[in-house]
């Protein structure tokens, strides 16, 4: 029909709208000239990324108002782009130190790890870089300050036996429960098993998982269509174990659940009959993992790491791993998954003799 438009939006379309509206609200709390920067970065970034940058840059201006005598009586709206030129490298170094522990406007104490520190400094460099590149300012003090050093951390993942134990626990962990706990377990068991099996069997991100619609699952080719970071769509293929878990959920729990209006297309539903959110899946994964591997802090991202490691071990193809995981830069993949295998590293333990027998 001519002129007809559907009001039904996909999960990712609605999410983009929500993020865009949220970003507009945050920009009202930044100096007016900052909007030029966010408008310029829009084509290359997601709304979620711009929100993160906006929060990080706002911290910088709060730091100036709290700690720099020149700006102590400033309000956010008084800052002009020329104020960026007045900042010296030493001010940036002081800001970097400030970021380790500070209080936000809600009086909450914030601490930053190496990764958080690096992200906030990257945001500030990008912000300065835009105005410097366009010759709106003639100095860029952020280039004269060393970026925080990031140290490699051991990748936390599940071993093969831990994967099997986790899946077994989800299947049978409620066998000895009774009453209301038993009812809740039976109600969520097939869904939870489908989600965790899907994450472990495909390596998709938790945000990609909750965004799945019923129509995104293709059993003819055994693939799921996911929307990657940046909005690109891609089919990720799965094996028999994922197929079985998804079918079990779809033909039982999902089939007998009537979704609330607006959530009819969602693949995974909460007990409130709404599309599951990222936080709900994270909490669910942590709940089961605590019972199986209490010594490891397992999150959905760790399940992704588990898949990536196993895929690399089985294929030895770092480019395949990068493609399946949706990494834009294969060096990111190589850094995480092509390190020396831990089993080989263990051989070093007995290789060097300290005393002759």
C-alpha atoms as a PDB file:
ATOM      1  CA  UNK A   1       0.000   0.000   0.000  1.00  0.00           C
ATOM      2  CA  UNK A   2       1.420   3.383  -1.000  1.00  0.00           C
ATOM      3  CA  UNK A   3       2.557   5.538   1.869  1.00  0.00           C
ATOM      4  CA  UNK A   4       2.224   2.710   4.413  1.00  0.00           C
ATOM      5  CA  UNK A   5       4.929   2.541   7.096  1.00  0.00           C
ATOM      6  CA  UNK A   6       5.223  -0.066   9.822  1.00  0.00           C
ATOM      7  CA  UNK A   7       5.424   1.030  13.453  1.00  0.00           C
ATOM      8  CA  UNK A   8       7.149  -2.228  14.381  1.00  0.00           C
ATOM      9  CA  UNK A   9      10.852  -1.634  14.961  1.00  0.00           C
ATOM     10  CA  UNK A  10      13.543  -4.236  15.432  1.00  0.00           C
ATOM     11  CA  UNK A  11      15.344  -4.486  18.741  1.00  0.00           C
ATOM     12  CA  UNK A  12      18.422  -2.774  17.294  1.00  0.00           C
ATOM     13  CA  UNK A  13      16.414   0.017  15.635  1.00  0.00           C
ATOM     14  CA  UNK A  14      14.648   0.767  18.928  1.00  0.00           C
ATOM     15  CA  UNK A  15      17.935   0.579  20.823  1.00  0.00           C
ATOM     16  CA  UNK A  16      19.494   3.098  18.436  1.00  0.00           C
ATOM     17  CA  UNK A  17      16.558   5.486  18.972  1.00  0.00           C
ATOM     18  CA  UNK A  18      16.834   5.126  22.765  1.00  0.00           C
ATOM     19  CA  UNK A  19      20.593   5.748  22.693  1.00  0.00           C
ATOM     20  CA  UNK A  20      20.191   8.783  20.414  1.00  0.00           C
ATOM     21  CA  UNK A  21      17.645  10.377  22.767  1.00  0.00           C
ATOM     22  CA  UNK A  22      19.858   9.602  25.752  1.00  0.00           C
ATOM     23  CA  UNK A  23      22.867  11.167  24.042  1.00  0.00           C
ATOM     24  CA  UNK A  24      20.903  14.371  23.405  1.00  0.00           C
ATOM     25  CA  UNK A  25      20.180  14.629  27.130  1.00  0.00           C
ATOM     26  CA  UNK A  26      23.843  14.097  28.051  1.00  0.00           C
ATOM     27  CA  UNK A  27      24.985  16.719  25.523  1.00  0.00           C
ATOM     28  CA  UNK A  28      22.870  19.278  27.396  1.00  0.00           C
ATOM     29  CA  UNK A  29      25.254  18.785  30.341  1.00  0.00           C
ATOM     30  CA  UNK A  30      28.379  19.522  28.253  1.00  0.00           C
ATOM     31  CA  UNK A  31      29.779  22.831  26.928  1.00  0.00           C
ATOM     32  CA  UNK A  32      27.821  23.905  23.820  1.00  0.00           C
ATOM     33  CA  UNK A  33      30.815  23.609  21.473  1.00  0.00           C
ATOM     34  CA  UNK A  34      31.126  19.873  22.268  1.00  0.00           C
ATOM     35  CA  UNK A  35      28.143  19.138  20.017  1.00  0.00           C
ATOM     36  CA  UNK A  36      30.240  19.851  16.917  1.00  0.00           C
ATOM     37  CA  UNK A  37      32.570  17.002  17.869  1.00  0.00           C
ATOM     38  CA  UNK A  38      29.761  14.493  18.460  1.00  0.00           C
ATOM     39  CA  UNK A  39      28.029  15.477  15.232  1.00  0.00           C
ATOM     40  CA  UNK A  40      31.273  14.892  13.319  1.00  0.00           C
ATOM     41  CA  UNK A  41      31.913  11.457  14.828  1.00  0.00           C
ATOM     42  CA  UNK A  42      28.380  10.187  14.193  1.00  0.00           C
ATOM     43  CA  UNK A  43      29.017   8.477  10.807  1.00  0.00           C
ATOM     44  CA  UNK A  44      31.901   6.382  12.176  1.00  0.00           C
ATOM     45  CA  UNK A  45      30.534   5.428  15.597  1.00  0.00           C
ATOM     46  CA  UNK A  46      27.498   3.902  17.265  1.00  0.00           C
ATOM     47  CA  UNK A  47      25.261   5.958  19.545  1.00  0.00           C
ATOM     48  CA  UNK A  48      26.401   3.763  22.450  1.00  0.00           C
ATOM     49  CA  UNK A  49      30.051   4.674  21.808  1.00  0.00           C
ATOM     50  CA  UNK A  50      29.179   8.374  21.627  1.00  0.00           C
ATOM     51  CA  UNK A  51      27.364   8.120  24.960  1.00  0.00           C
ATOM     52  CA  UNK A  52      30.475   6.591  26.565  1.00  0.00           C
ATOM     53  CA  UNK A  53      32.654   9.365  25.130  1.00  0.00           C
ATOM     54  CA  UNK A  54      30.212  12.036  26.306  1.00  0.00           C
ATOM     55  CA  UNK A  55      30.313  10.716  29.877  1.00  0.00           C
ATOM     56  CA  UNK A  56      34.123  10.519  29.766  1.00  0.00           C
ATOM     57  CA  UNK A  57      34.555  14.051  28.418  1.00  0.00           C
ATOM     58  CA  UNK A  58      32.115  15.404  30.990  1.00  0.00           C
ATOM     59  CA  UNK A  59      34.409  14.018  33.701  1.00  0.00           C
ATOM     60  CA  UNK A  60      37.242  16.156  32.286  1.00  0.00           C
ATOM     61  CA  UNK A  61      35.258  19.389  32.557  1.00  0.00           C
ATOM     62  CA  UNK A  62      34.123  18.500  36.088  1.00  0.00           C
ATOM     63  CA  UNK A  63      37.785  17.932  36.960  1.00  0.00           C
ATOM     64  CA  UNK A  64      38.673  21.432  35.700  1.00  0.00           C
ATOM     65  CA  UNK A  65      35.871  23.028  37.725  1.00  0.00           C
ATOM     66  CA  UNK A  66      36.912  21.164  40.877  1.00  0.00           C
ATOM     67  CA  UNK A  67      40.704  21.354  40.656  1.00  0.00           C
ATOM     68  CA  UNK A  68      41.813  24.166  38.350  1.00  0.00           C
ATOM     69  CA  UNK A  69      41.803  27.646  39.984  1.00  0.00           C
ATOM     70  CA  UNK A  70      41.021  29.306  36.640  1.00  0.00           C
ATOM     71  CA  UNK A  71      37.761  27.352  36.247  1.00  0.00           C
ATOM     72  CA  UNK A  72      36.661  27.028  39.862  1.00  0.00           C
ATOM     73  CA  UNK A  73      33.717  29.399  39.441  1.00  0.00           C
ATOM     74  CA  UNK A  74      32.793  28.237  35.952  1.00  0.00           C
ATOM     75  CA  UNK A  75      29.540  26.601  34.979  1.00  0.00           C
ATOM     76  CA  UNK A  76      29.570  24.027  32.182  1.00  0.00           C
ATOM     77  CA  UNK A  77      27.931  26.438  29.726  1.00  0.00           C
ATOM     78  CA  UNK A  78      30.715  29.020  30.226  1.00  0.00           C
ATOM     79  CA  UNK A  79      33.434  26.869  28.682  1.00  0.00           C
ATOM     80  CA  UNK A  80      34.451  27.853  25.155  1.00  0.00           C
ATOM     81  CA  UNK A  81      36.617  25.980  22.683  1.00  0.00           C
ATOM     82  CA  UNK A  82      39.435  28.463  23.394  1.00  0.00           C
ATOM     83  CA  UNK A  83      39.599  27.138  26.956  1.00  0.00           C
ATOM     84  CA  UNK A  84      41.003  23.909  25.523  1.00  0.00           C
ATOM     85  CA  UNK A  85      44.085  25.849  24.386  1.00  0.00           C
ATOM     86  CA  UNK A  86      44.725  27.194  27.868  1.00  0.00           C
ATOM     87  CA  UNK A  87      45.231  23.723  29.277  1.00  0.00           C
ATOM     88  CA  UNK A  88      48.858  22.697  29.714  1.00  0.00           C
ATOM     89  CA  UNK A  89      50.306  19.163  29.547  1.00  0.00           C
ATOM     90  CA  UNK A  90      50.739  19.233  33.333  1.00  0.00           C
ATOM     91  CA  UNK A  91      46.976  19.761  33.671  1.00  0.00           C
ATOM     92  CA  UNK A  92      46.391  16.638  31.567  1.00  0.00           C
ATOM     93  CA  UNK A  93      48.823  14.681  33.760  1.00  0.00           C
ATOM     94  CA  UNK A  94      46.955  15.856  36.861  1.00  0.00           C
ATOM     95  CA  UNK A  95      43.689  14.783  35.230  1.00  0.00           C
ATOM     96  CA  UNK A  96      45.143  11.338  34.571  1.00  0.00           C
ATOM     97  CA  UNK A  97      46.041  11.036  38.249  1.00  0.00           C
ATOM     98  CA  UNK A  98      42.576  12.311  39.248  1.00  0.00           C
ATOM     99  CA  UNK A  99      40.915   9.564  37.198  1.00  0.00           C
ATOM    100  CA  UNK A 100      42.288   6.816  39.399  1.00  0.00           C
ATOM    101  CA  UNK A 101      39.847   7.757  42.196  1.00  0.00           C
ATOM    102  CA  UNK A 102      37.267  10.533  42.074  1.00  0.00           C
ATOM    103  CA  UNK A 103      33.681  11.359  42.952  1.00  0.00           C
ATOM    104  CA  UNK A 104      31.039  11.830  40.282  1.00  0.00           C
ATOM    105  CA  UNK A 105      28.273  14.481  40.509  1.00  0.00           C
ATOM    106  CA  UNK A 106      26.083  11.960  42.415  1.00  0.00           C
ATOM    107  CA  UNK A 107      28.802  11.790  45.102  1.00  0.00           C
ATOM    108  CA  UNK A 108      29.680   8.202  44.228  1.00  0.00           C
ATOM    109  CA  UNK A 109      33.313   7.200  44.405  1.00  0.00           C
ATOM    110  CA  UNK A 110      34.616   6.055  41.016  1.00  0.00           C
ATOM    111  CA  UNK A 111      37.807   4.076  40.510  1.00  0.00           C
ATOM    112  CA  UNK A 112      39.382   3.304  37.155  1.00  0.00           C
ATOM    113  CA  UNK A 113      41.483   0.296  36.234  1.00  0.00           C
ATOM    114  CA  UNK A 114      44.155   0.550  33.532  1.00  0.00           C
ATOM    115  CA  UNK A 115      41.512  -0.147  30.900  1.00  0.00           C
ATOM    116  CA  UNK A 116      39.101   2.519  32.209  1.00  0.00           C
ATOM    117  CA  UNK A 117      41.909   5.040  32.502  1.00  0.00           C
ATOM    118  CA  UNK A 118      43.026   4.341  28.948  1.00  0.00           C
ATOM    119  CA  UNK A 119      39.485   4.708  27.589  1.00  0.00           C
ATOM    120  CA  UNK A 120      38.927   8.064  29.249  1.00  0.00           C
ATOM    121  CA  UNK A 121      42.273   9.380  28.031  1.00  0.00           C
ATOM    122  CA  UNK A 122      41.507   8.116  24.503  1.00  0.00           C
ATOM    123  CA  UNK A 123      38.196   9.971  24.599  1.00  0.00           C
ATOM    124  CA  UNK A 124      39.946  13.201  25.620  1.00  0.00           C
ATOM    125  CA  UNK A 125      42.601  12.772  22.917  1.00  0.00           C
ATOM    126  CA  UNK A 126      39.918  12.218  20.302  1.00  0.00           C
ATOM    127  CA  UNK A 127      38.014  15.293  21.529  1.00  0.00           C
ATOM    128  CA  UNK A 128      41.107  17.512  21.351  1.00  0.00           C
ATOM    129  CA  UNK A 129      42.134  15.917  18.069  1.00  0.00           C
ATOM    130  CA  UNK A 130      38.922  16.966  16.327  1.00  0.00           C
ATOM    131  CA  UNK A 131      39.333  20.687  17.158  1.00  0.00           C
ATOM    132  CA  UNK A 132      43.082  20.599  16.453  1.00  0.00           C
ATOM    133  CA  UNK A 133      42.643  18.851  13.104  1.00  0.00           C
ATOM    134  CA  UNK A 134      40.066  21.443  12.033  1.00  0.00           C
ATOM    135  CA  UNK A 135      42.427  24.250  13.132  1.00  0.00           C
ATOM    136  CA  UNK A 136      39.912  25.572  15.642  1.00  0.00           C
ATOM    137  CA  UNK A 137      42.635  25.324  18.297  1.00  0.00           C
ATOM    138  CA  UNK A 138      46.393  25.625  17.707  1.00  0.00           C
ATOM    139  CA  UNK A 139      47.616  23.462  20.617  1.00  0.00           C
ATOM    140  CA  UNK A 140      46.918  19.855  21.562  1.00  0.00           C
ATOM    141  CA  UNK A 141      48.419  19.169  25.021  1.00  0.00           C
ATOM    142  CA  UNK A 142      47.078  15.593  25.071  1.00  0.00           C
ATOM    143  CA  UNK A 143      49.731  14.625  22.495  1.00  0.00           C
ATOM    144  CA  UNK A 144      52.464  15.642  24.925  1.00  0.00           C
ATOM    145  CA  UNK A 145      51.282  13.299  27.672  1.00  0.00           C
ATOM    146  CA  UNK A 146      52.027   9.561  27.639  1.00  0.00           C
ATOM    147  CA  UNK A 147      48.996   7.306  27.504  1.00  0.00           C
ATOM    148  CA  UNK A 148      48.513   4.856  30.407  1.00  0.00           C
ATOM    149  CA  UNK A 149      50.342   1.586  29.906  1.00  0.00           C
ATOM    150  CA  UNK A 150      48.084  -1.441  29.539  1.00  0.00           C
ATOM    151  CA  UNK A 151      49.408  -4.689  30.962  1.00  0.00           C
ATOM    152  CA  UNK A 152      48.306  -7.999  29.495  1.00  0.00           C
ATOM    153  CA  UNK A 153      46.022 -10.046  31.721  1.00  0.00           C
ATOM    154  CA  UNK A 154      45.544 -13.788  31.688  1.00  0.00           C
ATOM    155  CA  UNK A 155      42.458 -14.748  29.704  1.00  0.00           C
ATOM    156  CA  UNK A 156      39.826 -16.287  31.957  1.00  0.00           C
ATOM    157  CA  UNK A 157      37.855 -19.036  30.248  1.00  0.00           C
ATOM    158  CA  UNK A 158      36.264 -22.376  30.967  1.00  0.00           C
ATOM    159  CA  UNK A 159      38.201 -25.600  30.498  1.00  0.00           C
ATOM    160  CA  UNK A 160      36.568 -28.408  28.514  1.00  0.00           C
ATOM    161  CA  UNK A 161      35.463 -30.297  31.628  1.00  0.00           C
ATOM    162  CA  UNK A 162      34.083 -27.081  33.155  1.00  0.00           C
ATOM    163  CA  UNK A 163      31.958 -26.449  30.048  1.00  0.00           C
ATOM    164  CA  UNK A 164      30.441 -29.933  30.342  1.00  0.00           C
ATOM    165  CA  UNK A 165      29.887 -29.493  34.102  1.00  0.00           C
ATOM    166  CA  UNK A 166      28.190 -26.134  33.574  1.00  0.00           C
ATOM    167  CA  UNK A 167      25.765 -27.496  30.968  1.00  0.00           C
ATOM    168  CA  UNK A 168      25.044 -30.577  33.094  1.00  0.00           C
ATOM    169  CA  UNK A 169      24.339 -28.375  36.089  1.00  0.00           C
ATOM    170  CA  UNK A 170      21.829 -26.246  34.148  1.00  0.00           C
ATOM    171  CA  UNK A 171      20.078 -29.434  32.995  1.00  0.00           C
ATOM    172  CA  UNK A 172      19.996 -31.232  36.339  1.00  0.00           C
ATOM    173  CA  UNK A 173      20.794 -28.618  39.005  1.00  0.00           C
ATOM    174  CA  UNK A 174      17.143 -28.363  39.986  1.00  0.00           C
ATOM    175  CA  UNK A 175      16.479 -32.071  40.323  1.00  0.00           C
ATOM    176  CA  UNK A 176      16.622 -31.885  44.112  1.00  0.00           C
ATOM    177  CA  UNK A 177      14.750 -28.600  44.512  1.00  0.00           C
ATOM    178  CA  UNK A 178      11.193 -28.364  45.770  1.00  0.00           C
ATOM    179  CA  UNK A 179       8.345 -25.894  46.029  1.00  0.00           C
ATOM    180  CA  UNK A 180       8.572 -22.482  44.371  1.00  0.00           C
ATOM    181  CA  UNK A 181      12.274 -22.842  43.603  1.00  0.00           C
ATOM    182  CA  UNK A 182      11.548 -26.027  41.676  1.00  0.00           C
ATOM    183  CA  UNK A 183       8.770 -24.291  39.702  1.00  0.00           C
ATOM    184  CA  UNK A 184      11.066 -21.374  38.744  1.00  0.00           C
ATOM    185  CA  UNK A 185      13.888 -23.738  37.768  1.00  0.00           C
ATOM    186  CA  UNK A 186      11.645 -25.777  35.466  1.00  0.00           C
ATOM    187  CA  UNK A 187      10.231 -22.596  33.953  1.00  0.00           C
ATOM    188  CA  UNK A 188      13.658 -21.201  33.009  1.00  0.00           C
ATOM    189  CA  UNK A 189      15.809 -24.330  32.515  1.00  0.00           C
ATOM    190  CA  UNK A 190      15.338 -24.811  28.759  1.00  0.00           C
ATOM    191  CA  UNK A 191      15.723 -21.102  28.056  1.00  0.00           C
ATOM    192  CA  UNK A 192      18.881 -20.794  30.152  1.00  0.00           C
ATOM    193  CA  UNK A 193      20.397 -23.915  28.602  1.00  0.00           C
ATOM    194  CA  UNK A 194      19.634 -22.577  25.101  1.00  0.00           C
ATOM    195  CA  UNK A 195      21.259 -19.205  25.838  1.00  0.00           C
ATOM    196  CA  UNK A 196      24.429 -20.578  27.426  1.00  0.00           C
ATOM    197  CA  UNK A 197      24.802 -23.312  24.796  1.00  0.00           C
ATOM    198  CA  UNK A 198      24.383 -20.669  22.069  1.00  0.00           C
ATOM    199  CA  UNK A 199      27.007 -18.380  23.656  1.00  0.00           C
ATOM    200  CA  UNK A 200      29.460 -21.256  24.128  1.00  0.00           C
ATOM    201  CA  UNK A 201      28.783 -22.713  20.677  1.00  0.00           C
ATOM    202  CA  UNK A 202      28.981 -19.544  18.570  1.00  0.00           C
ATOM    203  CA  UNK A 203      30.934 -16.920  20.547  1.00  0.00           C
ATOM    204  CA  UNK A 204      28.326 -14.233  19.867  1.00  0.00           C
ATOM    205  CA  UNK A 205      28.219 -11.213  22.177  1.00  0.00           C
ATOM    206  CA  UNK A 206      25.551 -11.013  24.869  1.00  0.00           C
ATOM    207  CA  UNK A 207      24.165  -7.865  23.164  1.00  0.00           C
ATOM    208  CA  UNK A 208      23.856  -9.842  19.914  1.00  0.00           C
ATOM    209  CA  UNK A 209      22.172 -12.702  21.760  1.00  0.00           C
ATOM    210  CA  UNK A 210      19.418 -10.623  23.391  1.00  0.00           C
ATOM    211  CA  UNK A 211      18.793  -8.846  20.072  1.00  0.00           C
ATOM    212  CA  UNK A 212      17.877 -12.077  18.286  1.00  0.00           C
ATOM    213  CA  UNK A 213      14.367 -12.432  16.880  1.00  0.00           C
ATOM    214  CA  UNK A 214      12.592 -15.705  16.122  1.00  0.00           C
ATOM    215  CA  UNK A 215      13.091 -15.034  12.415  1.00  0.00           C
ATOM    216  CA  UNK A 216      16.868 -14.774  12.890  1.00  0.00           C
ATOM    217  CA  UNK A 217      17.161 -18.517  13.582  1.00  0.00           C
ATOM    218  CA  UNK A 218      17.568 -20.672  10.480  1.00  0.00           C
ATOM    219  CA  UNK A 219      17.519 -24.411  11.159  1.00  0.00           C
ATOM    220  CA  UNK A 220      17.772 -25.243   7.462  1.00  0.00           C
ATOM    221  CA  UNK A 221      21.348 -23.915   7.423  1.00  0.00           C
ATOM    222  CA  UNK A 222      21.883 -23.967  11.208  1.00  0.00           C
ATOM    223  CA  UNK A 223      22.729 -20.291  11.521  1.00  0.00           C
ATOM    224  CA  UNK A 224      21.661 -17.215  13.459  1.00  0.00           C
ATOM    225  CA  UNK A 225      21.614 -13.737  11.920  1.00  0.00           C
ATOM    226  CA  UNK A 226      23.224 -11.314  14.350  1.00  0.00           C
ATOM    227  CA  UNK A 227      23.683  -7.554  14.223  1.00  0.00           C
ATOM    228  CA  UNK A 228      27.321  -6.808  14.946  1.00  0.00           C
ATOM    229  CA  UNK A 229      28.881  -3.693  16.465  1.00  0.00           C
ATOM    230  CA  UNK A 230      28.433  -0.876  13.965  1.00  0.00           C
ATOM    231  CA  UNK A 231      25.171  -2.348  12.658  1.00  0.00           C
ATOM    232  CA  UNK A 232      26.511  -4.919  10.180  1.00  0.00           C
ATOM    233  CA  UNK A 233      24.467  -8.100   9.867  1.00  0.00           C
ATOM    234  CA  UNK A 234      26.178 -11.485   9.734  1.00  0.00           C
ATOM    235  CA  UNK A 235      25.145 -15.139   9.844  1.00  0.00           C
ATOM    236  CA  UNK A 236      26.965 -17.176  12.498  1.00  0.00           C
ATOM    237  CA  UNK A 237      26.665 -20.940  12.090  1.00  0.00           C
ATOM    238  CA  UNK A 238      26.141 -23.438  14.892  1.00  0.00           C
ATOM    239  CA  UNK A 239      26.500 -27.174  15.465  1.00  0.00           C
ATOM    240  CA  UNK A 240      24.202 -29.954  16.568  1.00  0.00           C
ATOM    241  CA  UNK A 241      24.401 -29.238  20.312  1.00  0.00           C
ATOM    242  CA  UNK A 242      23.268 -25.634  19.810  1.00  0.00           C
ATOM    243  CA  UNK A 243      20.543 -26.810  17.420  1.00  0.00           C
ATOM    244  CA  UNK A 244      19.193 -29.292  19.974  1.00  0.00           C
ATOM    245  CA  UNK A 245      19.192 -26.741  22.806  1.00  0.00           C
ATOM    246  CA  UNK A 246      17.452 -24.066  20.693  1.00  0.00           C
ATOM    247  CA  UNK A 247      14.788 -26.496  19.452  1.00  0.00           C
ATOM    248  CA  UNK A 248      14.123 -27.780  22.955  1.00  0.00           C
ATOM    249  CA  UNK A 249      13.535 -24.192  24.143  1.00  0.00           C
ATOM    250  CA  UNK A 250      11.493 -23.131  21.108  1.00  0.00           C
ATOM    251  CA  UNK A 251       9.183 -26.149  21.178  1.00  0.00           C
ATOM    252  CA  UNK A 252       8.571 -25.983  24.939  1.00  0.00           C
ATOM    253  CA  UNK A 253       9.067 -22.808  27.005  1.00  0.00           C
ATOM    254  CA  UNK A 254       8.955 -20.316  24.118  1.00  0.00           C
ATOM    255  CA  UNK A 255       5.968 -21.981  22.439  1.00  0.00           C
ATOM    256  CA  UNK A 256       3.851 -21.914  25.593  1.00  0.00           C
ATOM    257  CA  UNK A 257       4.730 -18.318  26.537  1.00  0.00           C
ATOM    258  CA  UNK A 258       2.576 -15.434  25.302  1.00  0.00           C
ATOM    259  CA  UNK A 259       4.836 -12.378  24.955  1.00  0.00           C
ATOM    260  CA  UNK A 260       3.713  -8.928  26.019  1.00  0.00           C
ATOM    261  CA  UNK A 261       2.850  -6.510  23.182  1.00  0.00           C
ATOM    262  CA  UNK A 262       5.992  -5.289  21.456  1.00  0.00           C
ATOM    263  CA  UNK A 263       7.968  -8.391  22.419  1.00  0.00           C
ATOM    264  CA  UNK A 264       6.327 -10.909  20.095  1.00  0.00           C
ATOM    265  CA  UNK A 265       9.395 -11.291  17.868  1.00  0.00           C
ATOM    266  CA  UNK A 266      11.974 -11.748  20.640  1.00  0.00           C
ATOM    267  CA  UNK A 267      13.714 -15.125  20.716  1.00  0.00           C
ATOM    268  CA  UNK A 268      14.547 -15.084  24.417  1.00  0.00           C
ATOM    269  CA  UNK A 269      11.884 -13.926  26.849  1.00  0.00           C
ATOM    270  CA  UNK A 270      12.139 -13.115  30.550  1.00  0.00           C
ATOM    271  CA  UNK A 271       9.715 -14.574  33.092  1.00  0.00           C
ATOM    272  CA  UNK A 272       7.857 -11.246  32.727  1.00  0.00           C
ATOM    273  CA  UNK A 273       7.308 -12.194  29.044  1.00  0.00           C
ATOM    274  CA  UNK A 274       9.509  -9.372  27.768  1.00  0.00           C
ATOM    275  CA  UNK A 275      12.652  -9.567  25.647  1.00  0.00           C
ATOM    276  CA  UNK A 276      15.545 -10.451  27.919  1.00  0.00           C
ATOM    277  CA  UNK A 277      18.099  -7.701  28.503  1.00  0.00           C
ATOM    278  CA  UNK A 278      21.879  -7.821  28.673  1.00  0.00           C
ATOM    279  CA  UNK A 279      21.916  -7.474  32.468  1.00  0.00           C
ATOM    280  CA  UNK A 280      19.486 -10.372  32.920  1.00  0.00           C
ATOM    281  CA  UNK A 281      21.671 -12.708  30.835  1.00  0.00           C
ATOM    282  CA  UNK A 282      24.814 -11.573  32.667  1.00  0.00           C
ATOM    283  CA  UNK A 283      23.172 -12.271  36.035  1.00  0.00           C
ATOM    284  CA  UNK A 284      21.948 -15.658  34.845  1.00  0.00           C
ATOM    285  CA  UNK A 285      25.398 -16.731  33.597  1.00  0.00           C
ATOM    286  CA  UNK A 286      27.032 -15.605  36.851  1.00  0.00           C
ATOM    287  CA  UNK A 287      24.414 -17.474  38.904  1.00  0.00           C
ATOM    288  CA  UNK A 288      25.179 -20.823  37.277  1.00  0.00           C
ATOM    289  CA  UNK A 289      28.936 -20.259  36.995  1.00  0.00           C
ATOM    290  CA  UNK A 290      29.230 -19.524  40.738  1.00  0.00           C
ATOM    291  CA  UNK A 291      27.978 -23.034  41.457  1.00  0.00           C
ATOM    292  CA  UNK A 292      30.325 -24.739  38.997  1.00  0.00           C
ATOM    293  CA  UNK A 293      33.506 -22.625  38.991  1.00  0.00           C
ATOM    294  CA  UNK A 294      33.463 -20.427  42.122  1.00  0.00           C
ATOM    295  CA  UNK A 295      37.198 -19.691  41.690  1.00  0.00           C
ATOM    296  CA  UNK A 296      36.633 -18.140  38.243  1.00  0.00           C
ATOM    297  CA  UNK A 297      34.634 -14.981  37.588  1.00  0.00           C
ATOM    298  CA  UNK A 298      32.665 -16.173  34.559  1.00  0.00           C
ATOM    299  CA  UNK A 299      30.616 -13.697  32.502  1.00  0.00           C
ATOM    300  CA  UNK A 300      29.036 -13.981  29.028  1.00  0.00           C
ATOM    301  CA  UNK A 301      32.219 -12.416  27.627  1.00  0.00           C
ATOM    302  CA  UNK A 302      34.250 -15.220  29.227  1.00  0.00           C
ATOM    303  CA  UNK A 303      32.014 -17.719  27.410  1.00  0.00           C
ATOM    304  CA  UNK A 304      32.922 -15.866  24.206  1.00  0.00           C
ATOM    305  CA  UNK A 305      36.614 -16.192  25.116  1.00  0.00           C
ATOM    306  CA  UNK A 306      36.084 -19.902  25.752  1.00  0.00           C
ATOM    307  CA  UNK A 307      34.602 -20.342  22.285  1.00  0.00           C
ATOM    308  CA  UNK A 308      37.324 -18.292  20.596  1.00  0.00           C
ATOM    309  CA  UNK A 309      40.083 -20.266  22.328  1.00  0.00           C
ATOM    310  CA  UNK A 310      38.521 -23.624  21.451  1.00  0.00           C
ATOM    311  CA  UNK A 311      37.934 -22.615  17.824  1.00  0.00           C
ATOM    312  CA  UNK A 312      41.558 -21.535  17.464  1.00  0.00           C
ATOM    313  CA  UNK A 313      42.829 -24.747  19.063  1.00  0.00           C
ATOM    314  CA  UNK A 314      40.706 -26.849  16.703  1.00  0.00           C
ATOM    315  CA  UNK A 315      41.428 -24.953  13.466  1.00  0.00           C
ATOM    316  CA  UNK A 316      44.648 -22.997  14.014  1.00  0.00           C
ATOM    317  CA  UNK A 317      43.058 -20.374  11.725  1.00  0.00           C
ATOM    318  CA  UNK A 318      43.275 -16.958  13.385  1.00  0.00           C
ATOM    319  CA  UNK A 319      41.508 -15.291  10.452  1.00  0.00           C
ATOM    320  CA  UNK A 320      38.524 -17.622  10.803  1.00  0.00           C
ATOM    321  CA  UNK A 321      38.354 -16.875  14.548  1.00  0.00           C
ATOM    322  CA  UNK A 322      38.477 -13.112  13.846  1.00  0.00           C
ATOM    323  CA  UNK A 323      35.713 -13.403  11.233  1.00  0.00           C
ATOM    324  CA  UNK A 324      33.378 -15.509  13.374  1.00  0.00           C
ATOM    325  CA  UNK A 325      33.858 -13.311  16.448  1.00  0.00           C
ATOM    326  CA  UNK A 326      33.285 -10.166  14.386  1.00  0.00           C
ATOM    327  CA  UNK A 327      36.675  -8.596  15.150  1.00  0.00           C
ATOM    328  CA  UNK A 328      37.514  -5.794  12.720  1.00  0.00           C
ATOM    329  CA  UNK A 329      41.244  -6.103  13.407  1.00  0.00           C
ATOM    330  CA  UNK A 330      42.801  -9.583  13.319  1.00  0.00           C
ATOM    331  CA  UNK A 331      45.561  -8.318  15.640  1.00  0.00           C
ATOM    332  CA  UNK A 332      42.950  -8.073  18.395  1.00  0.00           C
ATOM    333  CA  UNK A 333      42.158 -11.744  17.858  1.00  0.00           C
ATOM    334  CA  UNK A 334      45.794 -12.777  17.621  1.00  0.00           C
ATOM    335  CA  UNK A 335      46.606 -11.020  20.892  1.00  0.00           C
ATOM    336  CA  UNK A 336      43.851 -12.889  22.738  1.00  0.00           C
ATOM    337  CA  UNK A 337      43.783 -16.325  21.205  1.00  0.00           C
ATOM    338  CA  UNK A 338      47.127 -17.092  19.593  1.00  0.00           C
ATOM    339  CA  UNK A 339      49.208 -16.864  22.746  1.00  0.00           C
ATOM    340  CA  UNK A 340      51.287 -19.848  23.841  1.00  0.00           C
ATOM    341  CA  UNK A 341      48.970 -22.720  24.691  1.00  0.00           C
ATOM    342  CA  UNK A 342      48.785 -23.235  28.470  1.00  0.00           C
ATOM    343  CA  UNK A 343      49.360 -26.973  28.152  1.00  0.00           C
ATOM    344  CA  UNK A 344      52.614 -26.304  26.292  1.00  0.00           C
ATOM    345  CA  UNK A 345      53.559 -23.718  28.909  1.00  0.00           C
ATOM    346  CA  UNK A 346      53.117 -26.327  31.632  1.00  0.00           C
ATOM    347  CA  UNK A 347      55.863 -28.386  30.008  1.00  0.00           C
ATOM    348  CA  UNK A 348      58.287 -25.714  31.163  1.00  0.00           C
ATOM    349  CA  UNK A 349      57.597 -26.668  34.780  1.00  0.00           C
ATOM    350  CA  UNK A 350      59.643 -29.885  34.583  1.00  0.00           C
ATOM    351  CA  UNK A 351      62.026 -28.968  31.794  1.00  0.00           C
ATOM    352  CA  UNK A 352      64.676 -27.301  33.951  1.00  0.00           C
ATOM    353  CA  UNK A 353      66.359 -29.434  36.642  1.00  0.00           C
ATOM    354  CA  UNK A 354      67.800 -27.619  39.638  1.00  0.00           C
ATOM    355  CA  UNK A 355      69.818 -30.564  40.968  1.00  0.00           C
ATOM    356  CA  UNK A 356      71.105 -33.649  39.255  1.00  0.00           C
ATOM    357  CA  UNK A 357      69.357 -36.734  40.522  1.00  0.00           C
END
